N, C-alpha and C. Protein backbone atom coordinates (compact mmCIF):
# COMPACT_ATOMS: atom_id res chain seq x y z
N UNK A 1 8.43 10.29 7.84
CA UNK A 1 8.61 10.46 6.41
C UNK A 1 9.92 11.17 6.14
N UNK A 2 10.48 10.83 4.99
CA UNK A 2 11.69 11.49 4.52
C UNK A 2 11.31 12.36 3.34
N UNK A 3 11.64 13.66 3.42
CA UNK A 3 11.35 14.59 2.34
C UNK A 3 12.66 14.96 1.67
N UNK A 4 12.74 14.72 0.35
CA UNK A 4 13.92 15.02 -0.45
C UNK A 4 13.50 16.03 -1.50
N UNK A 5 14.11 17.22 -1.46
CA UNK A 5 13.80 18.26 -2.43
C UNK A 5 14.96 18.41 -3.39
N UNK A 6 14.68 18.26 -4.67
CA UNK A 6 15.72 18.38 -5.70
C UNK A 6 15.61 19.73 -6.38
N UNK A 7 16.73 20.37 -6.58
CA UNK A 7 16.79 21.66 -7.24
C UNK A 7 17.75 21.58 -8.41
N UNK A 8 17.35 22.08 -9.56
CA UNK A 8 18.23 22.09 -10.72
C UNK A 8 18.45 20.71 -11.31
N UNK A 9 19.43 20.63 -12.17
CA UNK A 9 19.73 19.37 -12.84
C UNK A 9 20.72 18.56 -12.02
N UNK A 10 20.50 17.27 -11.94
CA UNK A 10 21.42 16.38 -11.24
C UNK A 10 22.31 15.68 -12.24
N UNK A 11 23.59 15.68 -11.96
CA UNK A 11 24.53 14.95 -12.79
C UNK A 11 24.52 13.49 -12.35
N UNK A 12 25.03 12.61 -13.20
CA UNK A 12 24.96 11.17 -12.93
C UNK A 12 25.55 10.79 -11.57
N UNK A 13 26.71 11.32 -11.24
CA UNK A 13 27.34 11.00 -9.96
C UNK A 13 26.51 11.47 -8.78
N UNK A 14 25.93 12.65 -8.90
CA UNK A 14 25.09 13.19 -7.84
C UNK A 14 23.83 12.35 -7.68
N UNK A 15 23.25 11.91 -8.79
CA UNK A 15 22.04 11.08 -8.74
C UNK A 15 22.33 9.74 -8.07
N UNK A 16 23.48 9.14 -8.39
CA UNK A 16 23.84 7.88 -7.75
C UNK A 16 24.07 8.06 -6.25
N UNK A 17 24.71 9.17 -5.88
CA UNK A 17 24.93 9.46 -4.46
C UNK A 17 23.60 9.67 -3.74
N UNK A 18 22.67 10.35 -4.41
CA UNK A 18 21.33 10.56 -3.86
C UNK A 18 20.66 9.22 -3.57
N UNK A 19 20.73 8.31 -4.52
CA UNK A 19 20.13 6.98 -4.34
C UNK A 19 20.73 6.27 -3.13
N UNK A 20 22.03 6.32 -3.01
CA UNK A 20 22.71 5.68 -1.89
C UNK A 20 22.31 6.34 -0.56
N UNK A 21 22.31 7.67 -0.54
CA UNK A 21 21.97 8.39 0.69
C UNK A 21 20.54 8.11 1.13
N UNK A 22 19.61 8.07 0.18
CA UNK A 22 18.21 7.79 0.54
C UNK A 22 18.09 6.39 1.11
N UNK A 23 18.72 5.41 0.48
CA UNK A 23 18.67 4.04 0.98
C UNK A 23 19.21 3.93 2.39
N UNK A 24 20.35 4.56 2.64
CA UNK A 24 20.96 4.51 3.97
C UNK A 24 20.07 5.21 5.00
N UNK A 25 19.48 6.33 4.63
CA UNK A 25 18.62 7.06 5.55
C UNK A 25 17.35 6.28 5.88
N UNK A 26 16.74 5.68 4.85
CA UNK A 26 15.53 4.88 5.07
C UNK A 26 15.83 3.72 6.01
N UNK A 27 16.95 3.04 5.77
CA UNK A 27 17.31 1.89 6.61
C UNK A 27 17.62 2.32 8.05
N UNK A 28 18.35 3.41 8.20
CA UNK A 28 18.78 3.85 9.53
C UNK A 28 17.64 4.46 10.35
N UNK A 29 16.76 5.22 9.69
CA UNK A 29 15.71 5.93 10.43
C UNK A 29 14.39 5.19 10.45
N UNK A 30 14.29 4.14 9.64
CA UNK A 30 13.09 3.31 9.58
C UNK A 30 11.84 4.11 9.22
N UNK A 31 12.00 5.05 8.27
CA UNK A 31 10.83 5.81 7.81
C UNK A 31 9.93 4.90 6.99
N UNK A 32 8.66 5.24 6.92
CA UNK A 32 7.72 4.43 6.15
C UNK A 32 7.36 5.06 4.81
N UNK A 33 7.82 6.31 4.60
CA UNK A 33 7.51 6.98 3.35
C UNK A 33 8.61 7.93 2.92
N UNK A 34 8.81 8.01 1.60
CA UNK A 34 9.79 8.92 1.02
C UNK A 34 9.06 9.80 0.01
N UNK A 35 9.19 11.12 0.17
CA UNK A 35 8.63 12.06 -0.79
C UNK A 35 9.79 12.73 -1.50
N UNK A 36 9.80 12.62 -2.83
CA UNK A 36 10.83 13.27 -3.63
C UNK A 36 10.16 14.42 -4.37
N UNK A 37 10.53 15.65 -4.01
CA UNK A 37 9.95 16.85 -4.59
C UNK A 37 10.77 17.25 -5.82
N UNK A 38 10.16 17.16 -6.99
CA UNK A 38 10.82 17.50 -8.25
C UNK A 38 10.42 18.88 -8.77
N UNK A 39 9.77 19.69 -7.95
CA UNK A 39 9.28 20.97 -8.44
C UNK A 39 10.41 21.90 -8.90
N UNK A 40 11.61 21.70 -8.41
CA UNK A 40 12.75 22.52 -8.82
C UNK A 40 13.54 21.95 -9.97
N UNK A 41 13.06 20.85 -10.55
CA UNK A 41 13.77 20.19 -11.65
C UNK A 41 13.08 20.53 -12.97
N UNK A 42 13.85 21.07 -13.89
CA UNK A 42 13.28 21.46 -15.18
C UNK A 42 13.45 20.41 -16.26
N UNK A 43 14.53 19.63 -16.16
CA UNK A 43 14.84 18.64 -17.19
C UNK A 43 15.22 17.33 -16.50
N UNK A 44 14.73 16.24 -17.08
CA UNK A 44 15.08 14.93 -16.56
C UNK A 44 15.44 14.03 -17.74
N UNK A 45 16.49 13.24 -17.57
CA UNK A 45 16.89 12.35 -18.66
C UNK A 45 16.58 10.91 -18.27
N UNK A 46 16.89 9.99 -19.18
CA UNK A 46 16.56 8.58 -18.94
C UNK A 46 17.33 8.03 -17.74
N UNK A 47 18.56 8.48 -17.52
CA UNK A 47 19.33 8.00 -16.38
C UNK A 47 18.66 8.41 -15.07
N UNK A 48 18.27 9.68 -14.98
CA UNK A 48 17.62 10.15 -13.75
C UNK A 48 16.27 9.46 -13.56
N UNK A 49 15.55 9.21 -14.65
CA UNK A 49 14.31 8.47 -14.55
C UNK A 49 14.53 7.08 -13.98
N UNK A 50 15.59 6.44 -14.43
CA UNK A 50 15.92 5.10 -13.91
C UNK A 50 16.32 5.18 -12.44
N UNK A 51 17.07 6.21 -12.07
CA UNK A 51 17.47 6.38 -10.67
C UNK A 51 16.23 6.54 -9.78
N UNK A 52 15.27 7.34 -10.21
CA UNK A 52 14.04 7.50 -9.44
C UNK A 52 13.31 6.18 -9.27
N UNK A 53 13.24 5.41 -10.35
CA UNK A 53 12.60 4.10 -10.28
C UNK A 53 13.36 3.17 -9.33
N UNK A 54 14.68 3.21 -9.39
CA UNK A 54 15.50 2.38 -8.51
C UNK A 54 15.34 2.79 -7.05
N UNK A 55 15.23 4.09 -6.80
CA UNK A 55 15.01 4.57 -5.43
C UNK A 55 13.69 4.02 -4.89
N UNK A 56 12.65 4.04 -5.72
CA UNK A 56 11.34 3.51 -5.29
C UNK A 56 11.44 2.02 -4.99
N UNK A 57 12.11 1.27 -5.86
CA UNK A 57 12.24 -0.18 -5.64
C UNK A 57 13.06 -0.47 -4.38
N UNK A 58 14.14 0.26 -4.20
CA UNK A 58 14.99 0.08 -3.03
C UNK A 58 14.23 0.43 -1.75
N UNK A 59 13.51 1.53 -1.77
CA UNK A 59 12.74 1.93 -0.59
C UNK A 59 11.66 0.91 -0.27
N UNK A 60 11.02 0.38 -1.30
CA UNK A 60 9.97 -0.61 -1.07
C UNK A 60 10.55 -1.87 -0.41
N UNK A 61 11.75 -2.27 -0.81
CA UNK A 61 12.40 -3.41 -0.17
C UNK A 61 12.71 -3.13 1.29
N UNK A 62 12.86 -1.84 1.62
CA UNK A 62 13.13 -1.43 3.00
C UNK A 62 11.84 -1.03 3.72
N UNK A 63 10.68 -1.43 3.17
CA UNK A 63 9.35 -1.21 3.75
C UNK A 63 8.93 0.25 3.79
N UNK A 64 9.35 1.02 2.78
CA UNK A 64 8.93 2.42 2.69
C UNK A 64 8.36 2.66 1.30
N UNK A 65 7.28 3.42 1.23
CA UNK A 65 6.67 3.77 -0.05
C UNK A 65 7.27 5.09 -0.53
N UNK A 66 7.35 5.26 -1.86
CA UNK A 66 7.91 6.48 -2.45
C UNK A 66 6.86 7.18 -3.28
N UNK A 67 6.78 8.50 -3.11
CA UNK A 67 5.89 9.34 -3.91
C UNK A 67 6.72 10.48 -4.47
N UNK A 68 6.62 10.69 -5.78
CA UNK A 68 7.27 11.82 -6.44
C UNK A 68 6.25 12.94 -6.53
N UNK A 69 6.64 14.13 -6.09
CA UNK A 69 5.71 15.26 -6.05
C UNK A 69 6.24 16.42 -6.89
N UNK A 70 5.30 17.23 -7.38
CA UNK A 70 5.64 18.48 -8.02
C UNK A 70 6.27 18.37 -9.39
N UNK A 71 6.02 17.28 -10.09
CA UNK A 71 6.61 17.11 -11.41
C UNK A 71 6.01 18.12 -12.39
N UNK A 72 6.86 18.83 -13.09
CA UNK A 72 6.40 19.79 -14.09
C UNK A 72 5.87 19.05 -15.31
N UNK A 73 4.92 19.64 -16.03
CA UNK A 73 4.39 18.99 -17.23
C UNK A 73 5.47 18.64 -18.25
N UNK A 74 6.45 19.50 -18.43
CA UNK A 74 7.52 19.23 -19.40
C UNK A 74 8.34 18.00 -19.00
N UNK A 75 8.53 17.82 -17.70
CA UNK A 75 9.26 16.65 -17.21
C UNK A 75 8.44 15.39 -17.47
N UNK A 76 7.14 15.45 -17.20
CA UNK A 76 6.26 14.30 -17.44
C UNK A 76 6.25 13.94 -18.93
N UNK A 77 6.18 14.96 -19.78
CA UNK A 77 6.19 14.72 -21.23
C UNK A 77 7.49 14.05 -21.65
N UNK A 78 8.60 14.53 -21.13
CA UNK A 78 9.90 13.94 -21.46
C UNK A 78 9.96 12.48 -21.05
N UNK A 79 9.49 12.17 -19.84
CA UNK A 79 9.51 10.78 -19.38
C UNK A 79 8.68 9.88 -20.29
N UNK A 80 7.52 10.37 -20.72
CA UNK A 80 6.68 9.59 -21.62
C UNK A 80 7.38 9.40 -22.97
N UNK A 81 7.98 10.47 -23.48
CA UNK A 81 8.68 10.38 -24.77
C UNK A 81 9.86 9.42 -24.71
N UNK A 82 10.50 9.33 -23.53
CA UNK A 82 11.61 8.40 -23.35
C UNK A 82 11.13 6.97 -23.14
N UNK A 83 9.82 6.79 -22.97
CA UNK A 83 9.27 5.45 -22.76
C UNK A 83 9.45 4.95 -21.34
N UNK A 84 9.68 5.85 -20.39
CA UNK A 84 9.88 5.46 -18.99
C UNK A 84 8.54 5.45 -18.26
N UNK A 85 8.15 4.31 -17.73
CA UNK A 85 6.90 4.20 -16.99
C UNK A 85 7.10 4.34 -15.49
N UNK A 86 8.33 4.21 -15.02
CA UNK A 86 8.68 4.36 -13.61
C UNK A 86 7.83 3.47 -12.69
N UNK A 87 7.92 2.16 -12.86
CA UNK A 87 7.15 1.26 -12.01
C UNK A 87 7.54 1.43 -10.54
N UNK A 88 6.55 1.34 -9.68
CA UNK A 88 6.79 1.47 -8.25
C UNK A 88 6.75 2.89 -7.75
N UNK A 89 6.75 3.85 -8.67
CA UNK A 89 6.70 5.25 -8.27
C UNK A 89 5.28 5.77 -8.34
N UNK A 90 4.85 6.37 -7.27
CA UNK A 90 3.55 7.02 -7.26
C UNK A 90 3.79 8.51 -7.39
N UNK A 91 2.81 9.25 -7.82
CA UNK A 91 2.98 10.68 -8.01
C UNK A 91 1.90 11.46 -7.28
N UNK A 92 2.23 12.72 -7.00
CA UNK A 92 1.28 13.65 -6.41
C UNK A 92 1.59 15.02 -7.00
N UNK A 93 0.58 15.87 -7.06
CA UNK A 93 0.77 17.19 -7.64
C UNK A 93 1.61 18.10 -6.76
N UNK A 94 1.56 17.90 -5.44
CA UNK A 94 2.30 18.75 -4.53
C UNK A 94 2.92 17.90 -3.41
N UNK A 95 3.88 18.50 -2.72
CA UNK A 95 4.51 17.84 -1.58
C UNK A 95 3.47 17.58 -0.48
N UNK A 96 2.60 18.55 -0.28
CA UNK A 96 1.58 18.39 0.76
C UNK A 96 0.66 17.21 0.46
N UNK A 97 0.27 17.08 -0.81
CA UNK A 97 -0.59 15.95 -1.20
C UNK A 97 0.14 14.63 -1.01
N UNK A 98 1.41 14.59 -1.37
CA UNK A 98 2.20 13.37 -1.20
C UNK A 98 2.28 12.96 0.26
N UNK A 99 2.48 13.93 1.13
CA UNK A 99 2.56 13.64 2.56
C UNK A 99 1.22 13.17 3.10
N UNK A 100 0.13 13.75 2.58
CA UNK A 100 -1.21 13.29 2.99
C UNK A 100 -1.43 11.84 2.56
N UNK A 101 -1.04 11.51 1.34
CA UNK A 101 -1.21 10.14 0.83
C UNK A 101 -0.44 9.16 1.72
N UNK A 102 0.81 9.47 1.99
CA UNK A 102 1.62 8.57 2.82
C UNK A 102 1.12 8.54 4.26
N UNK A 103 0.65 9.67 4.75
CA UNK A 103 0.11 9.72 6.11
C UNK A 103 -1.15 8.90 6.25
N UNK A 104 -2.01 8.93 5.24
CA UNK A 104 -3.24 8.14 5.27
C UNK A 104 -2.92 6.65 5.24
N UNK A 105 -1.92 6.28 4.45
CA UNK A 105 -1.52 4.87 4.41
C UNK A 105 -1.02 4.41 5.77
N UNK A 106 -0.20 5.25 6.40
CA UNK A 106 0.34 4.88 7.70
C UNK A 106 -0.76 4.79 8.75
N UNK A 107 -1.71 5.73 8.69
CA UNK A 107 -2.78 5.76 9.69
C UNK A 107 -3.71 4.55 9.57
N UNK A 108 -4.00 4.14 8.35
CA UNK A 108 -4.95 3.04 8.14
C UNK A 108 -4.29 1.71 7.84
N UNK A 109 -2.97 1.72 7.62
CA UNK A 109 -2.25 0.48 7.39
C UNK A 109 -2.62 -0.19 6.08
N UNK A 110 -3.09 0.57 5.10
CA UNK A 110 -3.46 -0.03 3.82
C UNK A 110 -2.84 0.75 2.67
N UNK A 111 -2.68 0.07 1.56
CA UNK A 111 -2.26 0.70 0.32
C UNK A 111 -2.98 0.01 -0.80
N UNK A 112 -3.68 0.77 -1.60
CA UNK A 112 -4.41 0.23 -2.74
C UNK A 112 -5.33 -0.91 -2.33
N UNK A 113 -5.93 -0.79 -1.14
CA UNK A 113 -6.88 -1.79 -0.70
C UNK A 113 -6.26 -3.03 -0.08
N UNK A 114 -4.94 -3.06 0.05
CA UNK A 114 -4.26 -4.21 0.63
C UNK A 114 -3.61 -3.82 1.95
N UNK A 115 -3.64 -4.76 2.90
CA UNK A 115 -3.00 -4.47 4.18
C UNK A 115 -1.52 -4.28 3.98
N UNK A 116 -0.97 -3.37 4.74
CA UNK A 116 0.44 -3.05 4.63
C UNK A 116 1.25 -3.89 5.61
N UNK A 117 2.45 -4.27 5.20
CA UNK A 117 3.32 -5.03 6.09
C UNK A 117 3.75 -4.16 7.27
N UNK A 118 3.81 -4.75 8.42
CA UNK A 118 4.28 -4.04 9.60
C UNK A 118 5.78 -4.21 9.71
N UNK A 119 6.44 -3.19 10.21
CA UNK A 119 7.88 -3.26 10.43
C UNK A 119 8.16 -4.06 11.70
N UNK A 120 9.25 -4.79 11.71
CA UNK A 120 9.60 -5.54 12.94
C UNK A 120 9.97 -4.65 14.07
């Protein structure tokens, strides 16, 4: 698993670099899960919401599932108010819960009742 912890506000350039770095790391290390810890993020805008969604889609294409953990209620409210549904992103209340979810999927080879693709 790849654990990414975000602290403070991310500027657009930093968010784009984060997306690129995560994609390269997932491809190079062949991880099966990405946990993005947002517990240190107080504010999120529509651009960052889109970047998170893009990271999930990109990771899924590279055979890795993404879980966002530790989202503050104010951040969740903002995302809803912006109309962002973040398809492909799963959430967990804590980093530990996110890792358990991804670990269970890896152990049993299933997600949402469907068999998971095996990596070559």
